Amino acid sequence: MPPSLRQLEALVAVYRLGSITKAAAELRVTQSAISLLIRQIEENFQLRLFDRTTRALHPTAACREAITAAERILSGAQGLSRRMRDLAEIKAGRISIAVSAGVASALLPRVFAAFRSRHPEVSIDLRDVAPDELLTVVMAGHAEFGLGSVEDEGVPEVRIDPLMQSPLSAIGIKDGRFEKHRRLSWDAIMSSDLITMRHGTRIRRQIDEALAQTGRALKPAWEVSLITTALALTAEGAGISILPGHMLPKTQFPTLTAIPLSQPTIYRHVSLLSRADFGLSPAAQRFVDIAKGVLSTKGG
């Protein structure tokens, strides 16, 4: 049986101090406890570690051979203890996050800035993926959690916690008139050149289903696969994008503004996606807490 860490601590202390009394004082235990720990090692390995005289202890050759390994083991254990303490106190660690591309572009910079200002020692592995890939990446264990616009599909292994929501909006160029609208109806924009996500995407399906209930159908001028493409086209004057208001990164597209659409109002959520049977690490939980605080100020 290998020696315990406590036994190794006693061995190293007695070797270094040359006294059971001094070792006991340093380790804050009784002298008899130190003697017992040393005797347990000796009996376990059938080795004499110290020659005892009336005045002092003298390490044997076996003790001198073993002491280097004992010190190395203790140093490693102490380093591990410090590391575990740092992880618990969020002074170290690594978070792996999967984020849908739109959220990564529009929302994550502010969350990152807030987190890094408080926990600069924690590294972040970011995977920006398509929304439909979030579930696969998280469930495969490639990311501790995901952030994006996902729907609860009734999968028991998945936990989905909404963080924020905002209405679908008409995103257009600030021309002195467009940005003055507080809201726009769908009928008000139907005659415009509209830029939407392609058929088959969740956001497009949600739009089509909601409008179908009112007897209307969307006839876009442009259909795209990426939110950034829609916004770039809008910025160049190609038309009005229909996207969640929170998906407009204002620093990247300062000439654009988002006007909420009504009649009907259609909401999109940003949610936390994680495995139901896994708890988040302290660093990941702190990231989520900070994200909730930042995103709550942007919700609609």
Protein backbone atom coordinates (compact mmCIF):
# COMPACT_ATOMS: atom_id res chain seq x y z
CA MET A 1 0.00 0.00 0.00
CA PRO A 2 1.45 3.42 -0.91
CA PRO A 3 2.07 5.89 1.91
CA SER A 4 -0.57 8.53 2.56
CA LEU A 5 0.09 12.22 2.06
CA ARG A 6 -0.02 12.70 5.82
CA GLN A 7 2.67 10.04 6.28
CA LEU A 8 4.82 11.70 3.62
CA GLU A 9 4.38 15.09 5.31
CA ALA A 10 5.61 13.60 8.58
CA LEU A 11 8.56 11.92 6.88
CA VAL A 12 9.68 15.09 5.09
CA ALA A 13 9.22 17.27 8.18
CA VAL A 14 11.24 14.94 10.43
CA TYR A 15 13.98 14.60 7.77
CA ARG A 16 14.21 18.36 7.27
CA LEU A 17 14.01 19.39 10.92
CA GLY A 18 15.83 16.41 12.41
CA SER A 19 13.38 16.26 15.30
CA ILE A 20 10.01 14.68 16.01
CA THR A 21 9.25 17.52 18.42
CA LYS A 22 9.88 20.21 15.81
CA ALA A 23 8.01 18.26 13.13
CA ALA A 24 5.01 17.88 15.43
CA ALA A 25 4.99 21.62 16.13
CA GLU A 26 5.18 22.47 12.43
CA LEU A 27 2.38 20.08 11.48
CA ARG A 28 0.37 20.99 14.58
CA VAL A 29 -0.04 17.44 15.81
CA THR A 30 1.28 15.54 18.82
CA GLN A 31 4.72 13.93 18.93
CA SER A 32 3.11 10.51 19.29
CA ALA A 33 1.15 11.14 16.08
CA ILE A 34 4.38 11.89 14.18
CA SER A 35 6.05 8.79 15.63
CA LEU A 36 3.07 6.66 14.60
CA LEU A 37 3.10 7.98 11.02
CA ILE A 38 6.82 7.25 10.63
CA ARG A 39 6.43 3.79 12.18
CA GLN A 40 3.55 3.00 9.80
CA ILE A 41 5.77 3.71 6.78
CA GLU A 42 8.60 1.64 8.20
CA GLU A 43 6.33 -1.32 8.93
CA ASN A 44 4.59 -1.08 5.58
CA PHE A 45 7.84 -1.26 3.59
CA GLN A 46 9.94 -3.17 6.14
CA LEU A 47 12.53 -0.39 6.09
CA ARG A 48 14.18 1.57 8.86
CA LEU A 49 14.04 5.26 8.00
CA PHE A 50 15.76 6.81 11.01
CA ASP A 51 18.41 5.71 13.45
CA ARG A 52 17.36 6.98 16.84
CA THR A 53 19.75 8.18 19.52
CA THR A 54 19.02 9.86 22.79
CA ARG A 55 19.73 13.26 21.27
CA ALA A 56 18.61 13.15 17.63
CA LEU A 57 17.29 11.21 14.66
CA HIS A 58 19.63 10.29 11.83
CA PRO A 59 18.14 9.43 8.40
CA THR A 60 19.20 6.08 7.04
CA ALA A 61 20.40 5.51 3.48
CA ALA A 62 16.91 4.25 2.58
CA CYS A 63 15.41 7.46 3.93
CA ARG A 64 17.81 9.63 1.91
CA GLU A 65 16.91 7.63 -1.21
CA ALA A 66 13.16 8.02 -0.61
CA ILE A 67 13.05 11.64 0.46
CA THR A 68 13.40 13.12 -3.06
CA ALA A 69 10.40 11.16 -4.31
CA ALA A 70 8.43 12.05 -1.18
CA GLU A 71 9.11 15.77 -1.67
CA ARG A 72 8.13 15.54 -5.34
CA ILE A 73 4.83 13.84 -4.50
CA LEU A 74 4.02 16.41 -1.82
CA SER A 75 4.87 19.27 -4.14
CA GLY A 76 2.56 17.85 -6.80
CA ALA A 77 -0.24 17.36 -4.29
CA GLN A 78 0.14 20.91 -3.01
CA GLY A 79 0.15 22.22 -6.57
CA LEU A 80 -3.03 20.26 -7.28
CA SER A 81 -4.62 21.63 -4.12
CA ARG A 82 -3.81 25.20 -5.17
CA ARG A 83 -5.15 24.51 -8.65
CA MET A 84 -8.40 23.08 -7.31
CA ARG A 85 -8.78 26.05 -4.99
CA ASP A 86 -8.18 28.46 -7.88
CA LEU A 87 -10.79 26.64 -9.97
CA ALA A 88 -13.33 26.83 -7.15
CA GLU A 89 -12.58 30.54 -6.66
CA ILE A 90 -12.58 31.14 -10.47
CA LYS A 91 -8.94 32.24 -10.50
CA ALA A 92 -8.11 29.69 -13.18
CA GLY A 93 -9.75 27.25 -15.56
CA ARG A 94 -11.07 26.93 -19.07
CA ILE A 95 -14.59 27.19 -20.47
CA SER A 96 -15.68 25.66 -23.77
CA ILE A 97 -18.73 27.40 -25.24
CA ALA A 98 -20.73 26.73 -28.40
CA VAL A 99 -22.49 29.83 -29.73
CA SER A 100 -24.67 30.36 -32.77
CA ALA A 101 -22.97 32.66 -35.25
CA GLY A 102 -25.54 35.44 -34.90
CA VAL A 103 -25.31 35.51 -31.11
CA ALA A 104 -21.51 35.40 -31.33
CA SER A 105 -21.50 38.48 -33.54
CA ALA A 106 -24.21 40.58 -31.92
CA LEU A 107 -24.28 39.72 -28.22
CA LEU A 108 -21.17 37.88 -27.13
CA PRO A 109 -18.61 40.73 -27.30
CA ARG A 110 -20.31 42.55 -24.40
CA VAL A 111 -20.59 39.36 -22.35
CA PHE A 112 -16.94 38.50 -23.03
CA ALA A 113 -15.80 41.95 -22.01
CA ALA A 114 -17.73 41.80 -18.74
CA PHE A 115 -16.45 38.30 -17.91
CA ARG A 116 -12.82 38.96 -18.80
CA SER A 117 -12.75 42.15 -16.75
CA ARG A 118 -13.63 40.11 -13.66
CA HIS A 119 -11.90 36.79 -14.42
CA PRO A 120 -8.93 37.43 -16.73
CA GLU A 121 -7.20 34.20 -15.69
CA VAL A 122 -9.95 31.98 -17.14
CA SER A 123 -9.45 30.99 -20.77
CA ILE A 124 -12.39 30.58 -23.15
CA ASP A 125 -12.63 28.13 -26.04
CA LEU A 126 -15.30 29.54 -28.36
CA ARG A 127 -17.01 27.46 -31.03
CA ASP A 128 -19.22 29.57 -33.29
CA VAL A 129 -21.58 27.21 -35.09
CA ALA A 130 -24.83 27.19 -37.03
CA PRO A 131 -27.92 27.23 -34.77
CA ASP A 132 -28.88 23.70 -35.81
CA GLU A 133 -25.45 22.43 -34.67
CA LEU A 134 -25.69 23.72 -31.10
CA LEU A 135 -27.45 20.66 -29.73
CA THR A 136 -25.06 18.22 -31.40
CA VAL A 137 -21.94 20.02 -30.19
CA VAL A 138 -23.14 20.27 -26.58
CA MET A 139 -24.49 16.71 -26.35
CA ALA A 140 -21.24 15.35 -27.81
CA GLY A 141 -19.32 17.02 -24.97
CA HIS A 142 -17.39 19.38 -27.26
CA ALA A 143 -18.73 22.36 -25.31
CA GLU A 144 -19.82 22.74 -21.70
CA PHE A 145 -22.88 24.70 -22.80
CA GLY A 146 -24.33 26.52 -25.78
CA LEU A 147 -25.90 29.93 -26.36
CA GLY A 148 -28.34 30.60 -29.15
CA SER A 149 -31.92 30.74 -30.36
CA VAL A 150 -33.09 27.20 -29.74
CA GLU A 151 -36.50 25.71 -29.10
CA ASP A 152 -37.38 23.18 -26.42
CA GLU A 153 -37.76 19.98 -28.43
CA GLY A 154 -38.77 17.86 -25.45
CA VAL A 155 -35.46 15.99 -25.23
CA PRO A 156 -35.06 14.93 -21.57
CA GLU A 157 -31.26 14.93 -21.77
CA VAL A 158 -31.25 18.63 -22.67
CA ARG A 159 -31.78 21.61 -20.37
CA ILE A 160 -32.83 24.87 -22.05
CA ASP A 161 -32.95 28.07 -19.98
CA PRO A 162 -34.17 31.26 -21.75
CA LEU A 163 -31.88 34.22 -21.10
CA MET A 164 -33.57 36.98 -23.10
CA GLN A 165 -36.09 37.65 -25.83
CA SER A 166 -36.79 40.34 -28.38
CA PRO A 167 -39.36 40.77 -31.16
CA LEU A 168 -38.64 40.25 -34.82
CA SER A 169 -37.81 43.62 -36.27
CA ALA A 170 -37.53 45.44 -39.55
CA ILE A 171 -33.87 46.41 -39.83
CA GLY A 172 -33.15 49.26 -42.21
CA ILE A 173 -30.90 52.23 -42.88
CA LYS A 174 -31.21 55.34 -40.74
CA ASP A 175 -32.39 57.83 -43.34
CA GLY A 176 -34.02 60.41 -41.12
CA ARG A 177 -37.46 58.80 -41.40
CA PHE A 178 -37.11 55.07 -40.87
CA GLU A 179 -35.58 55.33 -37.38
CA LYS A 180 -38.44 57.57 -36.18
CA HIS A 181 -40.90 54.66 -36.16
CA ARG A 182 -41.50 53.11 -32.75
CA ARG A 183 -43.18 50.08 -34.34
CA LEU A 184 -44.09 48.88 -37.81
CA SER A 185 -46.82 46.50 -38.86
CA TRP A 186 -46.09 43.64 -41.23
CA ASP A 187 -48.47 45.20 -43.74
CA ALA A 188 -46.38 48.38 -43.71
CA ILE A 189 -43.28 46.59 -44.99
CA MET A 190 -44.80 44.00 -47.34
CA SER A 191 -44.27 46.20 -50.39
CA SER A 192 -40.59 46.76 -49.56
CA ASP A 193 -37.66 44.69 -50.78
CA LEU A 194 -37.37 42.25 -47.90
CA ILE A 195 -34.32 40.22 -46.91
CA THR A 196 -35.07 37.07 -44.92
CA MET A 197 -33.47 33.83 -43.88
CA ARG A 198 -33.95 30.88 -46.22
CA HIS A 199 -36.81 28.37 -46.08
CA GLY A 200 -36.05 25.58 -43.63
CA THR A 201 -34.38 27.78 -41.02
CA ARG A 202 -36.18 28.00 -37.70
CA ILE A 203 -36.62 31.74 -37.82
CA ARG A 204 -38.14 31.59 -41.32
CA ARG A 205 -40.44 28.76 -40.31
CA GLN A 206 -41.62 30.79 -37.32
CA ILE A 207 -42.36 33.80 -39.54
CA ASP A 208 -44.20 31.77 -42.18
CA GLU A 209 -46.34 29.96 -39.61
CA ALA A 210 -47.30 33.18 -37.80
CA LEU A 211 -48.20 35.03 -41.00
CA ALA A 212 -50.11 32.05 -42.38
CA GLN A 213 -52.46 32.28 -39.40
CA THR A 214 -53.39 35.79 -40.56
CA GLY A 215 -53.78 34.77 -44.20
CA ARG A 216 -50.56 36.42 -45.35
CA ALA A 217 -47.39 35.09 -46.96
CA LEU A 218 -43.92 36.56 -47.12
CA LYS A 219 -42.46 37.25 -50.57
CA PRO A 220 -38.85 38.30 -49.96
CA ALA A 221 -36.59 39.83 -52.55
CA TRP A 222 -33.57 38.09 -51.02
CA GLU A 223 -33.17 34.87 -49.05
CA VAL A 224 -29.87 34.25 -47.26
CA SER A 225 -28.31 31.67 -44.97
CA LEU A 226 -26.33 33.98 -42.69
CA ILE A 227 -27.51 36.88 -40.57
CA THR A 228 -24.38 38.87 -41.36
CA THR A 229 -25.15 38.56 -45.08
CA ALA A 230 -28.63 39.99 -44.54
CA LEU A 231 -27.25 42.90 -42.54
CA ALA A 232 -24.52 43.61 -45.07
CA LEU A 233 -27.06 43.68 -47.89
CA THR A 234 -29.27 46.02 -45.86
CA ALA A 235 -26.35 48.33 -45.12
CA GLU A 236 -25.74 48.60 -48.88
CA GLY A 237 -29.35 49.57 -49.51
CA ALA A 238 -30.57 46.27 -50.95
CA GLY A 239 -33.65 46.13 -48.74
CA ILE A 240 -35.02 45.68 -45.23
CA SER A 241 -33.92 42.68 -43.16
CA ILE A 242 -36.35 40.82 -40.94
CA LEU A 243 -34.43 39.60 -37.91
CA PRO A 244 -34.62 39.62 -34.11
CA GLY A 245 -33.74 43.08 -32.86
CA HIS A 246 -31.01 41.71 -30.62
CA MET A 247 -29.18 40.30 -33.66
CA LEU A 248 -28.15 43.76 -34.86
CA PRO A 249 -24.56 44.46 -33.74
CA LYS A 250 -24.73 48.23 -33.64
CA THR A 251 -20.98 48.78 -33.54
CA GLN A 252 -20.53 46.76 -36.75
CA PHE A 253 -23.52 48.32 -38.52
CA PRO A 254 -23.88 51.86 -37.11
CA THR A 255 -25.99 53.02 -40.05
CA LEU A 256 -28.75 50.48 -39.32
CA THR A 257 -31.58 50.48 -36.79
CA ALA A 258 -34.14 47.86 -35.71
CA ILE A 259 -37.86 48.69 -35.52
CA PRO A 260 -40.05 46.05 -33.79
CA LEU A 261 -42.72 44.45 -35.98
CA SER A 262 -46.29 44.00 -34.76
CA GLN A 263 -49.61 42.56 -35.87
CA PRO A 264 -48.45 39.90 -35.17
CA THR A 265 -45.53 40.33 -32.76
CA ILE A 266 -43.15 37.39 -33.07
CA TYR A 267 -40.54 36.82 -30.37
CA ARG A 268 -37.19 35.08 -30.63
CA HIS A 269 -35.29 33.88 -27.56
CA VAL A 270 -31.63 33.48 -26.70
CA SER A 271 -31.26 30.47 -24.43
CA LEU A 272 -28.66 28.51 -22.53
CA LEU A 273 -28.39 24.94 -23.78
CA SER A 274 -26.71 22.34 -21.54
CA ARG A 275 -26.78 18.64 -20.71
CA ALA A 276 -29.38 17.93 -18.04
CA ASP A 277 -27.17 15.35 -16.30
CA PHE A 278 -24.09 17.61 -16.08
CA GLY A 279 -23.54 20.51 -13.72
CA LEU A 280 -21.59 23.56 -14.86
CA SER A 281 -18.10 24.24 -13.54
CA PRO A 282 -17.74 27.28 -11.24
CA ALA A 283 -16.20 29.32 -14.08
CA ALA A 284 -18.95 28.33 -16.53
CA GLN A 285 -21.67 29.12 -13.99
CA ARG A 286 -20.15 32.54 -13.39
CA PHE A 287 -20.05 33.15 -17.15
CA VAL A 288 -23.74 32.27 -17.38
CA ASP A 289 -24.59 34.56 -14.44
CA ILE A 290 -22.74 37.45 -16.09
CA ALA A 291 -24.41 36.69 -19.44
CA LYS A 292 -27.83 36.85 -17.79
CA GLY A 293 -27.03 40.23 -16.30
CA VAL A 294 -25.69 41.66 -19.58
CA LEU A 295 -28.37 40.21 -21.84
CA SER A 296 -31.23 41.18 -19.54
CA THR A 297 -30.41 44.80 -20.30
CA LYS A 298 -30.89 44.10 -24.01
CA GLY A 299 -34.07 42.09 -23.89
CA GLY A 300 -37.31 43.31 -25.36
